[in-house]
Amino acid sequence: MAVKEIKVIQWVPGAGRKPGYDWPEVINKIQAAGKAAILYGTCEEIKQIHGRYKPHLVVYHAYAQSRSEGQALLEWLKRNT
């Protein structure tokens, strides 16, 4: 995280562990360093975790079942950010 040119951190906890968005101690440390964190989840999971972390330092990678579900998530994020 000390490398100034790196702007986004992808952290994957590994197989069999809780999802990456459920590690606030890691995500908060990434964001405290001024870096964005990539958070993976379904559209519903992203709605549930949105607001836990600084929205300007989050990149969501959403697993949508359809284009319309993905578009609905984008509209939801616009209304709730």
Protein backbone atom coordinates (compact mmCIF):
# COMPACT_ATOMS: atom_id res chain seq x y z
CA MET A 1 0.00 0.00 0.00
CA ALA A 2 2.98 2.29 0.23
CA VAL A 3 3.35 2.48 -3.56
CA LYS A 4 1.89 5.87 -4.51
CA GLU A 5 1.06 4.83 -8.08
CA ILE A 6 -1.22 2.01 -6.93
CA LYS A 7 -4.74 3.39 -6.59
CA VAL A 8 -6.86 0.24 -6.13
CA ILE A 9 -6.27 -2.89 -4.04
CA GLN A 10 -7.77 -6.28 -4.87
CA TRP A 11 -7.76 -8.42 -1.76
CA VAL A 12 -9.09 -11.98 -1.90
CA PRO A 13 -9.39 -13.81 1.44
CA GLY A 14 -9.12 -17.31 -0.05
CA ALA A 15 -11.30 -20.36 -0.47
CA GLY A 16 -13.51 -21.33 2.43
CA ARG A 17 -13.29 -17.96 4.18
CA LYS A 18 -15.91 -15.28 4.62
CA PRO A 19 -16.36 -12.89 1.65
CA GLY A 20 -13.89 -10.05 1.18
CA TYR A 21 -16.50 -7.42 2.05
CA ASP A 22 -16.87 -9.01 5.51
CA TRP A 23 -13.32 -8.06 6.50
CA PRO A 24 -13.74 -4.46 7.71
CA GLU A 25 -10.32 -4.45 9.37
CA VAL A 26 -8.71 -5.03 5.96
CA ILE A 27 -11.00 -2.80 3.89
CA ASN A 28 -10.72 0.08 6.38
CA LYS A 29 -6.93 -0.20 6.35
CA ILE A 30 -6.90 -0.07 2.54
CA GLN A 31 -9.16 2.97 2.53
CA ALA A 32 -7.20 4.69 5.31
CA ALA A 33 -4.20 4.51 2.99
CA GLY A 34 -6.24 6.43 0.40
CA LYS A 35 -6.68 3.42 -1.85
CA ALA A 36 -9.90 2.01 -3.28
CA ALA A 37 -10.87 -1.57 -2.49
CA ILE A 38 -12.50 -3.94 -4.96
CA LEU A 39 -15.49 -5.66 -3.36
CA TYR A 40 -17.14 -8.68 -5.00
CA GLY A 41 -20.72 -9.76 -4.51
CA THR A 42 -24.14 -10.40 -5.94
CA CYS A 43 -26.36 -7.41 -6.60
CA GLU A 44 -28.23 -8.07 -3.34
CA GLU A 45 -25.00 -8.41 -1.35
CA ILE A 46 -23.73 -5.12 -2.75
CA LYS A 47 -26.96 -3.39 -1.70
CA GLN A 48 -26.53 -4.82 1.81
CA ILE A 49 -22.90 -3.72 2.21
CA HIS A 50 -23.18 -0.36 0.46
CA GLY A 51 -22.56 2.32 3.06
CA ARG A 52 -20.28 0.24 5.29
CA TYR A 53 -17.24 1.69 3.57
CA LYS A 54 -16.29 5.02 1.96
CA PRO A 55 -18.18 4.93 -1.35
CA HIS A 56 -15.58 7.01 -3.20
CA LEU A 57 -12.98 4.35 -2.32
CA VAL A 58 -14.93 1.27 -3.42
CA VAL A 59 -15.03 -0.51 -6.76
CA TYR A 60 -17.87 -3.01 -6.87
CA HIS A 61 -17.58 -6.15 -8.97
CA ALA A 62 -21.17 -7.33 -9.17
CA TYR A 63 -22.40 -10.77 -10.14
CA ALA A 64 -25.67 -10.01 -11.96
CA GLN A 65 -27.92 -12.72 -13.35
CA SER A 66 -28.98 -10.49 -16.25
CA ARG A 67 -28.28 -7.16 -17.87
CA SER A 68 -31.48 -5.75 -16.36
CA GLU A 69 -30.44 -6.84 -12.86
CA GLY A 70 -27.09 -5.12 -13.33
CA GLN A 71 -28.76 -1.97 -14.64
CA ALA A 72 -31.16 -1.97 -11.69
CA LEU A 73 -28.19 -2.14 -9.31
CA LEU A 74 -26.54 0.83 -11.04
CA GLU A 75 -29.74 2.86 -10.68
CA TRP A 76 -30.02 1.83 -7.02
CA LEU A 77 -26.43 2.89 -6.37
CA LYS A 78 -27.08 6.28 -7.99
CA ARG A 79 -30.07 6.85 -5.71
CA ASN A 80 -28.30 5.60 -2.57
CA THR A 81 -24.84 7.13 -2.82
